[in-house]
Amino acid sequence: MNEIRMRVTVVVEHQGEILVIKEKCSGHPCYNLPGGVVDYLETIPDATRREVWEETGLLVEFDRMLWVDERIDGTGNGKHTIGIGVLARLIGEDQTPIPGGLEDEEIEWAGWVPLEEFRSLPLFHPGRREQVIQALTETGYMPRYLGNMLS
């Protein structure tokens, strides 16, 4: 399978809290940020809105790009994913996520976590934690290339 896929990872901060999901996994906590694959002919802002809506039932609007990363599987099966981290703003009146996401999603829980709690939350991608904290707290933060997340 020699293909390149693109996915979006969405950081939504609201009143000092970060939107996180807990995915249905076995054996270890799978806390993550909302996100998923960008569909063919779908823009990154559209994928941002769709993924957050499907996983939490909340409406967001794309704000800006935070990082680019890659996941290149060196085992020879040809999988290569380009990840785009984005910041999104909560829009609309509803601020309460649907605890298990919308139907057909593999979401066990969705909710808001204070930034201090996020600092110690067992994330599926622990390397993501520092990028999120920097993006939300560093004055003049600029988008960054994070390299291969699988190496």
Protein backbone atom coordinates (compact mmCIF):
# COMPACT_ATOMS: atom_id res chain seq x y z
CA MET A 1 0.00 0.00 0.00
CA ASN A 2 1.98 2.99 -1.25
CA GLU A 3 -0.21 5.95 -0.44
CA ILE A 4 -0.06 9.22 1.44
CA ARG A 5 -2.93 10.10 3.73
CA MET A 6 -3.63 13.33 5.55
CA ARG A 7 -5.18 13.74 8.97
CA VAL A 8 -6.11 16.68 11.15
CA THR A 9 -5.62 16.93 14.93
CA VAL A 10 -7.75 19.62 16.53
CA VAL A 11 -6.93 21.68 19.62
CA VAL A 12 -10.01 23.41 21.02
CA GLU A 13 -9.38 25.62 24.05
CA HIS A 14 -12.31 27.23 25.85
CA GLN A 15 -12.19 29.14 29.15
CA GLY A 16 -8.85 27.56 30.15
CA GLU A 17 -9.88 24.00 29.29
CA ILE A 18 -8.98 21.72 26.38
CA LEU A 19 -11.41 19.45 24.56
CA VAL A 20 -10.26 15.81 24.78
CA ILE A 21 -11.72 12.46 23.84
CA LYS A 22 -11.20 8.99 25.28
CA GLU A 23 -11.24 6.44 22.52
CA LYS A 24 -12.38 2.84 22.96
CA CYS A 25 -9.11 0.94 23.31
CA SER A 26 -8.06 -2.15 25.19
CA GLY A 27 -5.31 -2.31 27.77
CA HIS A 28 -4.33 1.36 28.21
CA PRO A 29 -5.91 4.80 28.43
CA CYS A 30 -6.47 6.33 25.01
CA TYR A 31 -6.99 10.01 25.65
CA ASN A 32 -6.51 12.07 22.56
CA LEU A 33 -7.41 15.28 20.82
CA PRO A 34 -10.31 15.16 18.36
CA GLY A 35 -9.35 14.54 14.76
CA GLY A 36 -9.13 12.11 11.89
CA VAL A 37 -8.55 11.59 8.21
CA VAL A 38 -9.09 14.45 5.76
CA ASP A 39 -11.37 13.08 3.04
CA TYR A 40 -10.58 13.40 -0.66
CA LEU A 41 -11.45 16.94 -1.89
CA GLU A 42 -12.17 18.09 1.70
CA THR A 43 -10.44 21.22 2.94
CA ILE A 44 -8.59 21.24 6.25
CA PRO A 45 -11.11 23.71 7.79
CA ASP A 46 -13.99 21.46 6.64
CA ALA A 47 -12.28 18.36 8.08
CA THR A 48 -11.70 20.24 11.34
CA ARG A 49 -15.41 21.05 11.67
CA ARG A 50 -16.54 17.56 10.64
CA GLU A 51 -14.18 15.61 12.90
CA VAL A 52 -14.96 17.65 16.03
CA TRP A 53 -18.69 17.44 15.27
CA GLU A 54 -18.60 13.65 14.77
CA GLU A 55 -16.52 12.99 17.87
CA THR A 56 -18.06 15.50 20.30
CA GLY A 57 -21.21 17.02 18.80
CA LEU A 58 -19.69 20.51 19.14
CA LEU A 59 -19.45 23.16 16.44
CA VAL A 60 -16.04 24.69 15.85
CA GLU A 61 -14.39 26.96 13.34
CA PHE A 62 -10.82 26.62 12.06
CA ASP A 63 -8.54 29.33 13.48
CA ARG A 64 -4.95 28.54 12.47
CA MET A 65 -2.41 25.84 11.82
CA LEU A 66 -0.19 24.79 14.76
CA TRP A 67 2.09 22.07 13.40
CA VAL A 68 2.81 19.55 10.68
CA ASP A 69 3.99 16.04 11.50
CA GLU A 70 4.44 12.80 9.63
CA ARG A 71 3.91 9.14 10.48
CA ILE A 72 6.10 7.11 8.19
CA ASP A 73 5.92 3.38 8.82
CA GLY A 74 9.41 2.06 8.17
CA THR A 75 8.36 -1.61 8.29
CA GLY A 76 7.88 -1.72 4.55
CA ASN A 77 4.08 -1.58 4.18
CA GLY A 78 4.25 1.89 2.64
CA LYS A 79 1.96 3.75 5.05
CA HIS A 80 2.71 7.48 5.20
CA THR A 81 0.41 9.93 6.97
CA ILE A 82 0.86 13.70 7.08
CA GLY A 83 -0.69 15.24 10.19
CA ILE A 84 -1.83 18.83 10.47
CA GLY A 85 -2.40 20.20 13.98
CA VAL A 86 -4.88 23.07 14.08
CA LEU A 87 -6.41 25.42 16.60
CA ALA A 88 -10.20 25.78 16.41
CA ARG A 89 -12.67 28.08 18.15
CA LEU A 90 -15.88 26.88 19.72
CA ILE A 91 -18.89 28.48 17.98
CA GLY A 92 -22.58 28.31 18.70
CA GLU A 93 -24.37 28.13 22.01
CA ASP A 94 -23.65 24.50 22.93
CA GLN A 95 -20.49 23.99 25.00
CA THR A 96 -21.21 20.50 26.36
CA PRO A 97 -19.76 17.60 24.36
CA ILE A 98 -21.78 14.48 23.72
CA PRO A 99 -20.08 12.04 26.14
CA GLY A 100 -19.72 9.19 23.62
CA GLY A 101 -19.55 11.11 20.36
CA LEU A 102 -22.11 10.72 17.60
CA GLU A 103 -23.21 7.32 16.32
CA ASP A 104 -20.61 5.08 14.67
CA GLU A 105 -17.70 6.79 16.41
CA GLU A 106 -15.26 4.87 18.60
CA ILE A 107 -15.46 7.46 21.37
CA GLU A 108 -15.91 6.34 24.98
CA TRP A 109 -16.00 9.86 26.43
CA ALA A 110 -15.57 13.50 25.36
CA GLY A 111 -15.12 16.45 27.68
CA TRP A 112 -13.25 19.54 28.78
CA VAL A 113 -10.06 19.17 30.79
CA PRO A 114 -8.29 22.06 32.57
CA LEU A 115 -4.85 22.84 31.12
CA GLU A 116 -3.20 21.75 34.40
CA GLU A 117 -4.93 18.35 34.22
CA PHE A 118 -4.02 18.04 30.52
CA ARG A 119 -0.35 18.35 31.55
CA SER A 120 -0.58 14.95 33.31
CA LEU A 121 -3.31 13.19 31.31
CA PRO A 122 -2.15 9.84 29.83
CA LEU A 123 -2.31 10.75 26.15
CA PHE A 124 -2.27 8.28 23.28
CA HIS A 125 0.45 10.46 21.70
CA PRO A 126 2.39 11.84 24.73
CA GLY A 127 4.64 13.94 22.47
CA ARG A 128 1.59 15.97 21.55
CA ARG A 129 1.28 17.41 25.08
CA GLU A 130 4.22 19.82 24.83
CA GLN A 131 3.14 21.08 21.40
CA VAL A 132 -0.36 21.87 22.67
CA ILE A 133 0.91 23.62 25.80
CA GLN A 134 3.41 25.67 23.78
CA ALA A 135 0.79 26.63 21.19
CA LEU A 136 -1.60 27.82 23.90
CA THR A 137 0.87 29.57 26.21
CA GLU A 138 3.84 30.81 24.14
CA THR A 139 3.62 34.39 22.96
CA GLY A 140 4.30 34.50 19.22
CA TYR A 141 3.99 30.73 18.75
CA MET A 142 4.69 29.81 15.11
CA PRO A 143 3.67 26.59 13.32
CA ARG A 144 6.34 23.90 13.48
CA TYR A 145 7.39 20.77 11.62
CA LEU A 146 7.60 17.94 14.16
CA GLY A 147 9.15 15.25 11.97
CA ASN A 148 8.27 11.55 11.93
CA MET A 149 6.14 10.70 14.99
CA LEU A 150 6.91 6.98 14.55
CA SER A 151 10.70 7.23 14.78
